[in-house]
Amino acid sequence: MIVNQITFNFSNIDEHALLITMVGCVVVFIALAALVLVINRIAILQNFFIRLKIQKTKQESGPVGKTPVISLSADENAAICTALYLFFTEMHDEEKYVMTVKKVSRNYSPWSSKIYGVMNFSKRG
C-alpha cells in the first residue's frame, strides 16, 4: 500500500513575512472589534444628545410637565436614516446620459485597407 505524504519545508519561510502577517491579522481584528463597539454605542450617544437638547429647550421654556422618556427603536432609526439619504441624494443634479454617434464622411482608412493583407513577406522554404 502506497501512501502519498505531502511534506512542507518550513525552512523556506522568512521570519519577517510571518511577523508581518501576524501583525496585519491582529490589526484587522482589533479594528473590527473597535467598529463593533462604536456601532453598538451610537444609539446611546444619540439618546444622550437628544436628552441634552430637550433639557436645554425645557430650561428656556420653563417647567411644563414631566420630561418625556426618549428612546428610538431600530425601525425609527432606519426610517430617519433612509429619509436623510433620500433627501441628500435629491440635492444633486440629475444628469442625462446621452451618447451621440456621428458618421464620418471619409470612407477610406488605412485600418480597413485590404492591400496590406495581400502582400505576404514571409519566406517560403
PDB file of N, CA and C in Angstrom:
ATOM      1  N   MET A   1       0.848  -1.168   0.000  1.00  0.00           N
ATOM      2  CA  MET A   1       0.000   0.000   0.000  1.00  0.00           C
ATOM      3  C   MET A   1       0.900   1.240   0.000  1.00  0.00           C
ATOM      4  N   ILE A   2       0.655   2.132  -0.950  1.00  0.00           N
ATOM      5  CA  ILE A   2       1.462   3.343  -1.084  1.00  0.00           C
ATOM      6  C   ILE A   2       0.659   4.521  -0.534  1.00  0.00           C
ATOM      7  N   VAL A   3       1.255   5.239   0.371  1.00  0.00           N
ATOM      8  CA  VAL A   3       0.617   6.407   0.973  1.00  0.00           C
ATOM      9  C   VAL A   3       1.377   7.642   0.510  1.00  0.00           C
ATOM     10  N   ASN A   4       0.629   8.566  -0.104  1.00  0.00           N
ATOM     11  CA  ASN A   4       1.250   9.811  -0.548  1.00  0.00           C
ATOM     12  C   ASN A   4       1.355  10.754   0.639  1.00  0.00           C
ATOM     13  N   GLN A   5       2.538  11.175   0.907  1.00  0.00           N
ATOM     14  CA  GLN A   5       2.738  12.107   2.002  1.00  0.00           C
ATOM     15  C   GLN A   5       3.114  13.463   1.424  1.00  0.00           C
ATOM     16  N   ILE A   6       2.433  14.459   1.918  1.00  0.00           N
ATOM     17  CA  ILE A   6       2.732  15.827   1.497  1.00  0.00           C
ATOM     18  C   ILE A   6       3.594  16.443   2.585  1.00  0.00           C
ATOM     19  N   THR A   7       4.768  16.830   2.213  1.00  0.00           N
ATOM     20  CA  THR A   7       5.664  17.459   3.180  1.00  0.00           C
ATOM     21  C   THR A   7       5.849  18.914   2.785  1.00  0.00           C
ATOM     22  N   PHE A   8       5.958  19.744   3.797  1.00  0.00           N
ATOM     23  CA  PHE A   8       6.154  21.158   3.568  1.00  0.00           C
ATOM     24  C   PHE A   8       7.397  21.580   4.320  1.00  0.00           C
ATOM     25  N   ASN A   9       8.274  22.218   3.632  1.00  0.00           N
ATOM     26  CA  ASN A   9       9.529  22.650   4.217  1.00  0.00           C
ATOM     27  C   ASN A   9       9.347  24.043   4.800  1.00  0.00           C
ATOM     28  N   PHE A  10       9.337  24.135   6.129  1.00  0.00           N
ATOM     29  CA  PHE A  10       9.128  25.415   6.786  1.00  0.00           C
ATOM     30  C   PHE A  10      10.391  26.264   6.827  1.00  0.00           C
ATOM     31  N   SER A  11      11.489  25.720   6.402  1.00  0.00           N
ATOM     32  CA  SER A  11      12.736  26.486   6.439  1.00  0.00           C
ATOM     33  C   SER A  11      12.779  27.554   5.346  1.00  0.00           C
ATOM     34  N   ASN A  12      11.888  27.449   4.338  1.00  0.00           N
ATOM     35  CA  ASN A  12      11.883  28.441   3.265  1.00  0.00           C
ATOM     36  C   ASN A  12      11.090  29.703   3.619  1.00  0.00           C
ATOM     37  N   ILE A  13      10.384  29.688   4.733  1.00  0.00           N
ATOM     38  CA  ILE A  13       9.547  30.829   5.108  1.00  0.00           C
ATOM     39  C   ILE A  13      10.394  31.852   5.847  1.00  0.00           C
ATOM     40  N   ASP A  14      10.263  33.070   5.441  1.00  0.00           N
ATOM     41  CA  ASP A  14      11.002  34.159   6.065  1.00  0.00           C
ATOM     42  C   ASP A  14      10.318  34.542   7.383  1.00  0.00           C
ATOM     43  N   GLU A  15      11.110  34.785   8.421  1.00  0.00           N
ATOM     44  CA  GLU A  15      10.540  35.144   9.730  1.00  0.00           C
ATOM     45  C   GLU A  15       9.854  36.506   9.678  1.00  0.00           C
ATOM     46  N   HIS A  16      10.377  37.416   8.883  1.00  0.00           N
ATOM     47  CA  HIS A  16       9.777  38.746   8.774  1.00  0.00           C
ATOM     48  C   HIS A  16       8.407  38.670   8.100  1.00  0.00           C
ATOM     49  N   ALA A  17       8.266  37.763   7.159  1.00  0.00           N
ATOM     50  CA  ALA A  17       6.973  37.612   6.493  1.00  0.00           C
ATOM     51  C   ALA A  17       5.929  37.082   7.466  1.00  0.00           C
ATOM     52  N   LEU A  18       6.316  36.140   8.310  1.00  0.00           N
ATOM     53  CA  LEU A  18       5.383  35.639   9.325  1.00  0.00           C
ATOM     54  C   LEU A  18       4.997  36.733  10.318  1.00  0.00           C
ATOM     55  N   LEU A  19       5.964  37.527  10.720  1.00  0.00           N
ATOM     56  CA  LEU A  19       5.694  38.619  11.660  1.00  0.00           C
ATOM     57  C   LEU A  19       4.747  39.643  11.051  1.00  0.00           C
ATOM     58  N   ILE A  20       4.976  40.008   9.808  1.00  0.00           N
ATOM     59  CA  ILE A  20       4.111  40.985   9.130  1.00  0.00           C
ATOM     60  C   ILE A  20       2.694  40.430   8.979  1.00  0.00           C
ATOM     61  N   THR A  21       2.587  39.156   8.667  1.00  0.00           N
ATOM     62  CA  THR A  21       1.270  38.535   8.524  1.00  0.00           C
ATOM     63  C   THR A  21       0.524  38.526   9.845  1.00  0.00           C
ATOM     64  N   MET A  22       1.197  38.152  10.903  1.00  0.00           N
ATOM     65  CA  MET A  22       0.542  38.102  12.219  1.00  0.00           C
ATOM     66  C   MET A  22       0.133  39.495  12.692  1.00  0.00           C
ATOM     67  N   VAL A  23       1.012  40.476  12.524  1.00  0.00           N
ATOM     68  CA  VAL A  23       0.682  41.849  12.926  1.00  0.00           C
ATOM     69  C   VAL A  23      -0.499  42.365  12.115  1.00  0.00           C
ATOM     70  N   GLY A  24      -0.515  42.072  10.827  1.00  0.00           N
ATOM     71  CA  GLY A  24      -1.633  42.505   9.989  1.00  0.00           C
ATOM     72  C   GLY A  24      -2.952  41.903  10.435  1.00  0.00           C
ATOM     73  N   CYS A  25      -2.944  40.605  10.746  1.00  0.00           N
ATOM     74  CA  CYS A  25      -4.180  39.951  11.216  1.00  0.00           C
ATOM     75  C   CYS A  25      -4.644  40.539  12.538  1.00  0.00           C
ATOM     76  N   VAL A  26      -3.733  40.791  13.456  1.00  0.00           N
ATOM     77  CA  VAL A  26      -4.097  41.361  14.752  1.00  0.00           C
ATOM     78  C   VAL A  26      -4.673  42.761  14.580  1.00  0.00           C
ATOM     79  N   VAL A  27      -4.069  43.566  13.710  1.00  0.00           N
ATOM     80  CA  VAL A  27      -4.569  44.926  13.478  1.00  0.00           C
ATOM     81  C   VAL A  27      -5.980  44.890  12.893  1.00  0.00           C
ATOM     82  N   VAL A  28      -6.223  43.990  11.961  1.00  0.00           N
ATOM     83  CA  VAL A  28      -7.553  43.890  11.353  1.00  0.00           C
ATOM     84  C   VAL A  28      -8.589  43.480  12.384  1.00  0.00           C
ATOM     85  N   PHE A  29      -8.274  42.504  13.218  1.00  0.00           N
ATOM     86  CA  PHE A  29      -9.245  42.069  14.226  1.00  0.00           C
ATOM     87  C   PHE A  29      -9.492  43.140  15.284  1.00  0.00           C
ATOM     88  N   ILE A  30      -8.475  43.891  15.662  1.00  0.00           N
ATOM     89  CA  ILE A  30      -8.665  44.995  16.607  1.00  0.00           C
ATOM     90  C   ILE A  30      -9.540  46.079  15.983  1.00  0.00           C
ATOM     91  N   ALA A  31      -9.314  46.389  14.712  1.00  0.00           N
ATOM     92  CA  ALA A  31     -10.138  47.400  14.033  1.00  0.00           C
ATOM     93  C   ALA A  31     -11.593  46.944  13.942  1.00  0.00           C
ATOM     94  N   LEU A  32     -11.821  45.663  13.648  1.00  0.00           N
ATOM     95  CA  LEU A  32     -13.195  45.153  13.596  1.00  0.00           C
ATOM     96  C   LEU A  32     -13.863  45.208  14.961  1.00  0.00           C
ATOM     97  N   ALA A  33     -13.130  44.867  16.015  1.00  0.00           N
ATOM     98  CA  ALA A  33     -13.698  44.936  17.363  1.00  0.00           C
ATOM     99  C   ALA A  33     -14.036  46.377  17.735  1.00  0.00           C
ATOM    100  N   ALA A  34     -13.168  47.321  17.362  1.00  0.00           N
ATOM    101  CA  ALA A  34     -13.441  48.733  17.648  1.00  0.00           C
ATOM    102  C   ALA A  34     -14.675  49.207  16.893  1.00  0.00           C
ATOM    103  N   LEU A  35     -14.829  48.786  15.632  1.00  0.00           N
ATOM    104  CA  LEU A  35     -16.026  49.165  14.872  1.00  0.00           C
ATOM    105  C   LEU A  35     -17.297  48.613  15.498  1.00  0.00           C
ATOM    106  N   VAL A  36     -17.248  47.382  15.975  1.00  0.00           N
ATOM    107  CA  VAL A  36     -18.419  46.799  16.630  1.00  0.00           C
ATOM    108  C   VAL A  36     -18.785  47.602  17.871  1.00  0.00           C
ATOM    109  N   LEU A  37     -17.799  47.972  18.673  1.00  0.00           N
ATOM    110  CA  LEU A  37     -18.074  48.763  19.872  1.00  0.00           C
ATOM    111  C   LEU A  37     -18.647  50.130  19.529  1.00  0.00           C
ATOM    112  N   VAL A  38     -18.100  50.780  18.524  1.00  0.00           N
ATOM    113  CA  VAL A  38     -18.586  52.112  18.137  1.00  0.00           C
ATOM    114  C   VAL A  38     -20.014  52.032  17.619  1.00  0.00           C
ATOM    115  N   ILE A  39     -20.301  51.057  16.771  1.00  0.00           N
ATOM    116  CA  ILE A  39     -21.640  50.943  16.199  1.00  0.00           C
ATOM    117  C   ILE A  39     -22.663  50.608  17.277  1.00  0.00           C
ATOM    118  N   ASN A  40     -22.276  49.794  18.266  1.00  0.00           N
ATOM    119  CA  ASN A  40     -23.205  49.479  19.347  1.00  0.00           C
ATOM    120  C   ASN A  40     -23.466  50.673  20.252  1.00  0.00           C
ATOM    121  N   ARG A  41     -22.550  51.591  20.321  1.00  0.00           N
ATOM    122  CA  ARG A  41     -22.701  52.755  21.207  1.00  0.00           C
ATOM    123  C   ARG A  41     -23.355  53.956  20.527  1.00  0.00           C
ATOM    124  N   ILE A  42     -23.635  53.875  19.243  1.00  0.00           N
ATOM    125  CA  ILE A  42     -24.221  55.020  18.535  1.00  0.00           C
ATOM    126  C   ILE A  42     -25.603  55.358  19.092  1.00  0.00           C
ATOM    127  N   ALA A  43     -26.413  54.361  19.381  1.00  0.00           N
ATOM    128  CA  ALA A  43     -27.754  54.609  19.916  1.00  0.00           C
ATOM    129  C   ALA A  43     -27.682  55.284  21.282  1.00  0.00           C
ATOM    130  N   ILE A  44     -26.733  54.889  22.111  1.00  0.00           N
ATOM    131  CA  ILE A  44     -26.582  55.506  23.435  1.00  0.00           C
ATOM    132  C   ILE A  44     -26.185  56.968  23.293  1.00  0.00           C
ATOM    133  N   LEU A  45     -25.241  57.251  22.385  1.00  0.00           N
ATOM    134  CA  LEU A  45     -24.837  58.638  22.150  1.00  0.00           C
ATOM    135  C   LEU A  45     -25.986  59.473  21.578  1.00  0.00           C
ATOM    136  N   GLN A  46     -26.767  58.873  20.696  1.00  0.00           N
ATOM    137  CA  GLN A  46     -27.899  59.589  20.100  1.00  0.00           C
ATOM    138  C   GLN A  46     -28.912  59.957  21.181  1.00  0.00           C
ATOM    139  N   ASN A  47     -29.236  59.031  22.045  1.00  0.00           N
ATOM    140  CA  ASN A  47     -30.186  59.321  23.128  1.00  0.00           C
ATOM    141  C   ASN A  47     -29.632  60.369  24.087  1.00  0.00           C
ATOM    142  N   PHE A  48     -28.330  60.332  24.353  1.00  0.00           N
ATOM    143  CA  PHE A  48     -27.714  61.322  25.234  1.00  0.00           C
ATOM    144  C   PHE A  48     -27.853  62.727  24.654  1.00  0.00           C
ATOM    145  N   PHE A  49     -27.569  62.895  23.360  1.00  0.00           N
ATOM    146  CA  PHE A  49     -27.661  64.216  22.745  1.00  0.00           C
ATOM    147  C   PHE A  49     -29.109  64.691  22.651  1.00  0.00           C
ATOM    148  N   ILE A  50     -30.037  63.781  22.435  1.00  0.00           N
ATOM    149  CA  ILE A  50     -31.457  64.171  22.404  1.00  0.00           C
ATOM    150  C   ILE A  50     -31.899  64.652  23.776  1.00  0.00           C
ATOM    151  N   ARG A  51     -31.475  63.956  24.826  1.00  0.00           N
ATOM    152  CA  ARG A  51     -31.835  64.387  26.184  1.00  0.00           C
ATOM    153  C   ARG A  51     -31.236  65.749  26.514  1.00  0.00           C
ATOM    154  N   LEU A  52     -29.995  65.983  26.084  1.00  0.00           N
ATOM    155  CA  LEU A  52     -29.382  67.298  26.311  1.00  0.00           C
ATOM    156  C   LEU A  52     -30.179  68.392  25.606  1.00  0.00           C
ATOM    157  N   LYS A  53     -30.608  68.126  24.402  1.00  0.00           N
ATOM    158  CA  LYS A  53     -31.364  69.121  23.647  1.00  0.00           C
ATOM    159  C   LYS A  53     -32.718  69.388  24.304  1.00  0.00           C
ATOM    160  N   ILE A  54     -33.366  68.338  24.793  1.00  0.00           N
ATOM    161  CA  ILE A  54     -34.660  68.521  25.465  1.00  0.00           C
ATOM    162  C   ILE A  54     -34.487  69.306  26.752  1.00  0.00           C
ATOM    163  N   GLN A  55     -33.438  69.012  27.517  1.00  0.00           N
ATOM    164  CA  GLN A  55     -33.200  69.752  28.751  1.00  0.00           C
ATOM    165  C   GLN A  55     -32.904  71.214  28.464  1.00  0.00           C
ATOM    166  N   LYS A  56     -32.193  71.488  27.388  1.00  0.00           N
ATOM    167  CA  LYS A  56     -31.879  72.875  27.029  1.00  0.00           C
ATOM    168  C   LYS A  56     -33.148  73.626  26.641  1.00  0.00           C
ATOM    169  N   THR A  57     -34.009  73.006  25.834  1.00  0.00           N
ATOM    170  CA  THR A  57     -35.254  73.668  25.442  1.00  0.00           C
ATOM    171  C   THR A  57     -36.209  73.778  26.626  1.00  0.00           C
ATOM    172  N   LYS A  58     -36.161  72.826  27.554  1.00  0.00           N
ATOM    173  CA  LYS A  58     -37.020  72.875  28.732  1.00  0.00           C
ATOM    174  C   LYS A  58     -36.609  74.023  29.645  1.00  0.00           C
ATOM    175  N   GLN A  59     -35.304  74.276  29.782  1.00  0.00           N
ATOM    176  CA  GLN A  59     -34.827  75.383  30.608  1.00  0.00           C
ATOM    177  C   GLN A  59     -35.210  76.717  29.995  1.00  0.00           C
ATOM    178  N   GLU A  60     -35.215  76.804  28.663  1.00  0.00           N
ATOM    179  CA  GLU A  60     -35.577  78.055  28.003  1.00  0.00           C
ATOM    180  C   GLU A  60     -37.068  78.332  28.103  1.00  0.00           C
ATOM    181  N   SER A  61     -37.899  77.296  28.012  1.00  0.00           N
ATOM    182  CA  SER A  61     -39.339  77.496  28.008  1.00  0.00           C
ATOM    183  C   SER A  61     -39.952  77.415  29.391  1.00  0.00           C
ATOM    184  N   GLY A  62     -39.244  76.887  30.368  1.00  0.00           N
ATOM    185  CA  GLY A  62     -39.774  76.765  31.725  1.00  0.00           C
ATOM    186  C   GLY A  62     -40.366  75.397  31.938  1.00  0.00           C
ATOM    187  N   PRO A  63     -40.633  75.055  33.211  1.00  0.00           N
ATOM    188  CA  PRO A  63     -41.180  73.734  33.504  1.00  0.00           C
ATOM    189  C   PRO A  63     -42.624  73.608  33.062  1.00  0.00           C
ATOM    190  N   VAL A  64     -42.904  72.612  32.240  1.00  0.00           N
ATOM    191  CA  VAL A  64     -44.256  72.394  31.749  1.00  0.00           C
ATOM    192  C   VAL A  64     -44.823  71.100  32.309  1.00  0.00           C
ATOM    193  N   GLY A  65     -44.032  70.097  32.444  1.00  0.00           N
ATOM    194  CA  GLY A  65     -44.510  68.808  32.926  1.00  0.00           C
ATOM    195  C   GLY A  65     -43.347  67.857  33.077  1.00  0.00           C
ATOM    196  N   LYS A  66     -43.649  66.595  33.010  1.00  0.00           N
ATOM    197  CA  LYS A  66     -42.610  65.584  33.128  1.00  0.00           C
ATOM    198  C   LYS A  66     -41.731  65.555  31.875  1.00  0.00           C
ATOM    199  N   THR A  67     -40.495  65.182  32.072  1.00  0.00           N
ATOM    200  CA  THR A  67     -39.587  65.025  30.950  1.00  0.00           C
ATOM    201  C   THR A  67     -39.910  63.713  30.242  1.00  0.00           C
ATOM    202  N   PRO A  68     -40.171  63.763  28.949  1.00  0.00           N
ATOM    203  CA  PRO A  68     -40.520  62.525  28.250  1.00  0.00           C
ATOM    204  C   PRO A  68     -39.327  61.578  28.166  1.00  0.00           C
ATOM    205  N   VAL A  69     -39.635  60.308  28.165  1.00  0.00           N
ATOM    206  CA  VAL A  69     -38.597  59.297  28.019  1.00  0.00           C
ATOM    207  C   VAL A  69     -38.286  59.173  26.534  1.00  0.00           C
ATOM    208  N   ILE A  70     -37.024  59.365  26.218  1.00  0.00           N
ATOM    209  CA  ILE A  70     -36.616  59.343  24.813  1.00  0.00           C
ATOM    210  C   ILE A  70     -35.863  58.057  24.537  1.00  0.00           C
ATOM    211  N   SER A  71     -36.392  57.266  23.648  1.00  0.00           N
ATOM    212  CA  SER A  71     -35.658  56.117  23.131  1.00  0.00           C
ATOM    213  C   SER A  71     -36.226  55.805  21.762  1.00  0.00           C
ATOM    214  N   LEU A  72     -35.354  55.668  20.819  1.00  0.00           N
ATOM    215  CA  LEU A  72     -35.763  55.381  19.455  1.00  0.00           C
ATOM    216  C   LEU A  72     -35.490  53.920  19.146  1.00  0.00           C
ATOM    217  N   SER A  73     -36.454  53.295  18.510  1.00  0.00           N
ATOM    218  CA  SER A  73     -36.266  51.899  18.146  1.00  0.00           C
ATOM    219  C   SER A  73     -35.401  51.805  16.889  1.00  0.00           C
ATOM    220  N   ALA A  74     -35.018  50.600  16.567  1.00  0.00           N
ATOM    221  CA  ALA A  74     -34.195  50.394  15.373  1.00  0.00           C
ATOM    222  C   ALA A  74     -34.967  50.754  14.113  1.00  0.00           C
ATOM    223  N   ASP A  75     -36.281  50.502  14.105  1.00  0.00           N
ATOM    224  CA  ASP A  75     -37.097  50.858  12.938  1.00  0.00           C
ATOM    225  C   ASP A  75     -37.157  52.365  12.744  1.00  0.00           C
ATOM    226  N   GLU A  76     -37.278  53.103  13.844  1.00  0.00           N
ATOM    227  CA  GLU A  76     -37.312  54.562  13.736  1.00  0.00           C
ATOM    228  C   GLU A  76     -35.967  55.107  13.266  1.00  0.00           C
ATOM    229  N   ASN A  77     -34.882  54.542  13.770  1.00  0.00           N
ATOM    230  CA  ASN A  77     -33.552  54.963  13.304  1.00  0.00           C
ATOM    231  C   ASN A  77     -33.363  54.665  11.828  1.00  0.00           C
ATOM    232  N   ALA A  78     -33.845  53.510  11.377  1.00  0.00           N
ATOM    233  CA  ALA A  78     -33.727  53.159   9.956  1.00  0.00           C
ATOM    234  C   ALA A  78     -34.553  54.108   9.095  1.00  0.00           C
ATOM    235  N   ALA A  79     -35.743  54.480   9.565  1.00  0.00           N
ATOM    236  CA  ALA A  79     -36.580  55.410   8.807  1.00  0.00           C
ATOM    237  C   ALA A  79     -35.931  56.788   8.719  1.00  0.00           C
ATOM    238  N   ILE A  80     -35.325  57.234   9.802  1.00  0.00           N
ATOM    239  CA  ILE A  80     -34.651  58.537   9.795  1.00  0.00           C
ATOM    240  C   ILE A  80     -33.460  58.512   8.844  1.00  0.00           C
ATOM    241  N   CYS A  81     -32.672  57.449   8.903  1.00  0.00           N
ATOM    242  CA  CYS A  81     -31.502  57.337   8.007  1.00  0.00           C
ATOM    243  C   CYS A  81     -31.920  57.260   6.546  1.00  0.00           C
ATOM    244  N   THR A  82     -33.004  56.536   6.266  1.00  0.00           N
ATOM    245  CA  THR A  82     -33.489  56.444   4.888  1.00  0.00           C
ATOM    246  C   THR A  82     -33.967  57.802   4.391  1.00  0.00           C
ATOM    247  N   ALA A  83     -34.685  58.539   5.233  1.00  0.00           N
ATOM    248  CA  ALA A  83     -35.160  59.865   4.839  1.00  0.00           C
ATOM    249  C   ALA A  83     -33.996  60.815   4.580  1.00  0.00           C
ATOM    250  N   LEU A  84     -32.987  60.770   5.434  1.00  0.00           N
ATOM    251  CA  LEU A  84     -31.816  61.628   5.221  1.00  0.00           C
ATOM    252  C   LEU A  84     -31.078  61.253   3.946  1.00  0.00           C
ATOM    253  N   TYR A  85     -30.934  59.960   3.684  1.00  0.00           N
ATOM    254  CA  TYR A  85     -30.254  59.514   2.463  1.00  0.00           C
ATOM    255  C   TYR A  85     -31.011  59.991   1.227  1.00  0.00           C
ATOM    256  N   LEU A  86     -32.333  59.818   1.236  1.00  0.00           N
ATOM    257  CA  LEU A  86     -33.115  60.248   0.068  1.00  0.00           C
ATOM    258  C   LEU A  86     -33.071  61.757  -0.099  1.00  0.00           C
ATOM    259  N   PHE A  87     -33.068  62.495   1.007  1.00  0.00           N
ATOM    260  CA  PHE A  87     -33.004  63.950   0.926  1.00  0.00           C
ATOM    261  C   PHE A  87     -31.689  64.414   0.328  1.00  0.00           C
ATOM    262  N   PHE A  88     -30.574  63.831   0.788  1.00  0.00           N
ATOM    263  CA  PHE A  88     -29.275  64.279   0.302  1.00  0.00           C
ATOM    264  C   PHE A  88     -28.986  63.811  -1.119  1.00  0.00           C
ATOM    265  N   THR A  89     -29.558  62.696  -1.548  1.00  0.00           N
ATOM    266  CA  THR A  89     -29.332  62.266  -2.935  1.00  0.00           C
ATOM    267  C   THR A  89     -30.166  63.086  -3.908  1.00  0.00           C
ATOM    268  N   GLU A  90     -31.275  63.666  -3.461  1.00  0.00           N
ATOM    269  CA  GLU A  90     -32.071  64.513  -4.344  1.00  0.00           C
ATOM    270  C   GLU A  90     -31.447  65.888  -4.530  1.00  0.00           C
ATOM    271  N   MET A  91     -30.500  66.252  -3.693  1.00  0.00           N
ATOM    272  CA  MET A  91     -29.873  67.563  -3.811  1.00  0.00           C
ATOM    273  C   MET A  91     -28.952  67.638  -5.026  1.00  0.00           C
ATOM    274  N   HIS A  92     -28.459  66.504  -5.503  1.00  0.00           N
ATOM    275  CA  HIS A  92     -27.565  66.503  -6.657  1.00  0.00           C
ATOM    276  C   HIS A  92     -28.370  66.643  -7.943  1.00  0.00           C
ATOM    277  N   ASP A  93     -27.755  67.259  -8.916  1.00  0.00           N
ATOM    278  CA  ASP A  93     -28.406  67.427 -10.207  1.00  0.00           C
ATOM    279  C   ASP A  93     -28.498  66.089 -10.924  1.00  0.00           C
ATOM    280  N   GLU A  94     -29.611  65.904 -11.595  1.00  0.00           N
ATOM    281  CA  GLU A  94     -29.771  64.708 -12.419  1.00  0.00           C
ATOM    282  C   GLU A  94     -29.078  64.962 -13.751  1.00  0.00           C
ATOM    283  N   GLU A  95     -28.203  64.096 -14.120  1.00  0.00           N
ATOM    284  CA  GLU A  95     -27.505  64.233 -15.390  1.00  0.00           C
ATOM    285  C   GLU A  95     -28.069  63.224 -16.378  1.00  0.00           C
ATOM    286  N   LYS A  96     -28.313  63.697 -17.578  1.00  0.00           N
ATOM    287  CA  LYS A  96     -28.805  62.806 -18.617  1.00  0.00           C
ATOM    288  C   LYS A  96     -27.618  62.249 -19.371  1.00  0.00           C
ATOM    289  N   TYR A  97     -27.609  60.956 -19.506  1.00  0.00           N
ATOM    290  CA  TYR A  97     -26.517  60.292 -20.191  1.00  0.00           C
ATOM    291  C   TYR A  97     -26.942  60.041 -21.632  1.00  0.00           C
ATOM    292  N   VAL A  98     -26.427  60.868 -22.539  1.00  0.00           N
ATOM    293  CA  VAL A  98     -26.762  60.761 -23.953  1.00  0.00           C
ATOM    294  C   VAL A  98     -25.463  60.526 -24.715  1.00  0.00           C
ATOM    295  N   MET A  99     -25.483  59.525 -25.564  1.00  0.00           N
ATOM    296  CA  MET A  99     -24.319  59.245 -26.383  1.00  0.00           C
ATOM    297  C   MET A  99     -24.678  59.569 -27.824  1.00  0.00           C
ATOM    298  N   THR A 100     -23.886  60.424 -28.445  1.00  0.00           N
ATOM    299  CA  THR A 100     -24.130  60.828 -29.821  1.00  0.00           C
ATOM    300  C   THR A 100     -23.064  60.207 -30.711  1.00  0.00           C
ATOM    301  N   VAL A 101     -23.506  59.543 -31.765  1.00  0.00           N
ATOM    302  CA  VAL A 101     -22.585  58.918 -32.711  1.00  0.00           C
ATOM    303  C   VAL A 101     -22.772  59.617 -34.048  1.00  0.00           C
ATOM    304  N   LYS A 102     -21.686  60.190 -34.566  1.00  0.00           N
ATOM    305  CA  LYS A 102     -21.734  60.873 -35.849  1.00  0.00           C
ATOM    306  C   LYS A 102     -20.960  60.056 -36.862  1.00  0.00           C
ATOM    307  N   LYS A 103     -21.516  59.922 -38.070  1.00  0.00           N
ATOM    308  CA  LYS A 103     -20.843  59.172 -39.120  1.00  0.00           C
ATOM    309  C   LYS A 103     -19.806  60.072 -39.776  1.00  0.00           C
ATOM    310  N   VAL A 104     -18.621  59.530 -39.975  1.00  0.00           N
ATOM    311  CA  VAL A 104     -17.532  60.277 -40.596  1.00  0.00           C
ATOM    312  C   VAL A 104     -17.686  60.159 -42.105  1.00  0.00           C
ATOM    313  N   SER A 105     -17.481  61.270 -42.811  1.00  0.00           N
ATOM    314  CA  SER A 105     -17.674  61.264 -44.255  1.00  0.00           C
ATOM    315  C   SER A 105     -16.556  60.514 -44.984  1.00  0.00           C
ATOM    316  N   ARG A 106     -15.378  60.380 -44.406  1.00  0.00           N
ATOM    317  CA  ARG A 106     -14.272  59.672 -45.043  1.00  0.00           C
ATOM    318  C   ARG A 106     -14.506  58.171 -44.914  1.00  0.00           C
ATOM    319  N   ASN A 107     -14.559  57.477 -46.037  1.00  0.00           N
ATOM    320  CA  ASN A 107     -14.746  56.039 -46.008  1.00  0.00           C
ATOM    321  C   ASN A 107     -13.424  55.291 -46.001  1.00  0.00           C
ATOM    322  N   TYR A 108     -12.356  55.925 -46.489  1.00  0.00           N
ATOM    323  CA  TYR A 108     -11.057  55.250 -46.561  1.00  0.00           C
ATOM    324  C   TYR A 108     -10.327  55.400 -45.226  1.00  0.00           C
ATOM    325  N   SER A 109      -9.780  54.322 -44.773  1.00  0.00           N
ATOM    326  CA  SER A 109      -8.953  54.336 -43.585  1.00  0.00           C
ATOM    327  C   SER A 109      -7.872  53.276 -43.778  1.00  0.00           C
ATOM    328  N   PRO A 110      -6.642  53.557 -43.386  1.00  0.00           N
ATOM    329  CA  PRO A 110      -5.607  52.540 -43.526  1.00  0.00           C
ATOM    330  C   PRO A 110      -5.917  51.278 -42.714  1.00  0.00           C
ATOM    331  N   TRP A 111      -6.761  51.385 -41.720  1.00  0.00           N
ATOM    332  CA  TRP A 111      -7.105  50.216 -40.906  1.00  0.00           C
ATOM    333  C   TRP A 111      -8.006  49.259 -41.675  1.00  0.00           C
ATOM    334  N   SER A 112      -8.767  49.805 -42.629  1.00  0.00           N
ATOM    335  CA  SER A 112      -9.678  48.936 -43.372  1.00  0.00           C
ATOM    336  C   SER A 112      -9.148  48.594 -44.767  1.00  0.00           C
ATOM    337  N   SER A 113      -7.922  48.982 -45.086  1.00  0.00           N
ATOM    338  CA  SER A 113      -7.359  48.727 -46.403  1.00  0.00           C
ATOM    339  C   SER A 113      -6.966  47.260 -46.526  1.00  0.00           C
ATOM    340  N   LYS A 114      -7.330  46.647 -47.656  1.00  0.00           N
ATOM    341  CA  LYS A 114      -7.058  45.220 -47.884  1.00  0.00           C
ATOM    342  C   LYS A 114      -5.671  44.981 -48.481  1.00  0.00           C
ATOM    343  N   ILE A 115      -5.019  46.020 -48.988  1.00  0.00           N
ATOM    344  CA  ILE A 115      -3.741  45.837 -49.681  1.00  0.00           C
ATOM    345  C   ILE A 115      -2.643  45.355 -48.739  1.00  0.00           C
ATOM    346  N   TYR A 116      -2.739  45.752 -47.476  1.00  0.00           N
ATOM    347  CA  TYR A 116      -1.697  45.349 -46.534  1.00  0.00           C
ATOM    348  C   TYR A 116      -1.814  43.868 -46.165  1.00  0.00           C
ATOM    349  N   GLY A 117      -2.960  43.279 -46.327  1.00  0.00           N
ATOM    350  CA  GLY A 117      -3.140  41.866 -46.038  1.00  0.00           C
ATOM    351  C   GLY A 117      -2.787  40.972 -47.201  1.00  0.00           C
ATOM    352  N   VAL A 118      -2.707  41.542 -48.419  1.00  0.00           N
ATOM    353  CA  VAL A 118      -2.430  40.747 -49.614  1.00  0.00           C
ATOM    354  C   VAL A 118      -0.957  40.403 -49.701  1.00  0.00           C
ATOM    355  N   MET A 119      -0.098  41.345 -49.355  1.00  0.00           N
ATOM    356  CA  MET A 119       1.346  41.144 -49.506  1.00  0.00           C
ATOM    357  C   MET A 119       1.862  40.369 -48.290  1.00  0.00           C
ATOM    358  N   ASN A 120       2.420  39.214 -48.561  1.00  0.00           N
ATOM    359  CA  ASN A 120       2.965  38.380 -47.523  1.00  0.00           C
ATOM    360  C   ASN A 120       4.479  38.350 -47.679  1.00  0.00           C
ATOM    361  N   PHE A 121       5.191  38.842 -46.682  1.00  0.00           N
ATOM    362  CA  PHE A 121       6.638  38.960 -46.792  1.00  0.00           C
ATOM    363  C   PHE A 121       7.373  37.784 -46.171  1.00  0.00           C
ATOM    364  N   SER A 122       6.681  36.762 -45.758  1.00  0.00           N
ATOM    365  CA  SER A 122       7.375  35.627 -45.136  1.00  0.00           C
ATOM    366  C   SER A 122       8.041  34.789 -46.236  1.00  0.00           C
ATOM    367  N   LYS A 123       9.195  34.236 -45.936  1.00  0.00           N
ATOM    368  CA  LYS A 123       9.951  33.423 -46.894  1.00  0.00           C
ATOM    369  C   LYS A 123       9.424  31.999 -46.856  1.00  0.00           C
ATOM    370  N   ARG A 124       9.163  31.492 -48.040  1.00  0.00           N
ATOM    371  CA  ARG A 124       8.700  30.118 -48.123  1.00  0.00           C
ATOM    372  C   ARG A 124       9.865  29.224 -48.474  1.00  0.00           C
ATOM    373  N   GLY A 125       9.951  28.128 -47.790  1.00  0.00           N
ATOM    374  CA  GLY A 125      11.124  27.312 -47.983  1.00  0.00           C
ATOM    375  C   GLY A 125      10.928  26.071 -48.683  1.00  0.00           C
TER     376      GLY A 125
END
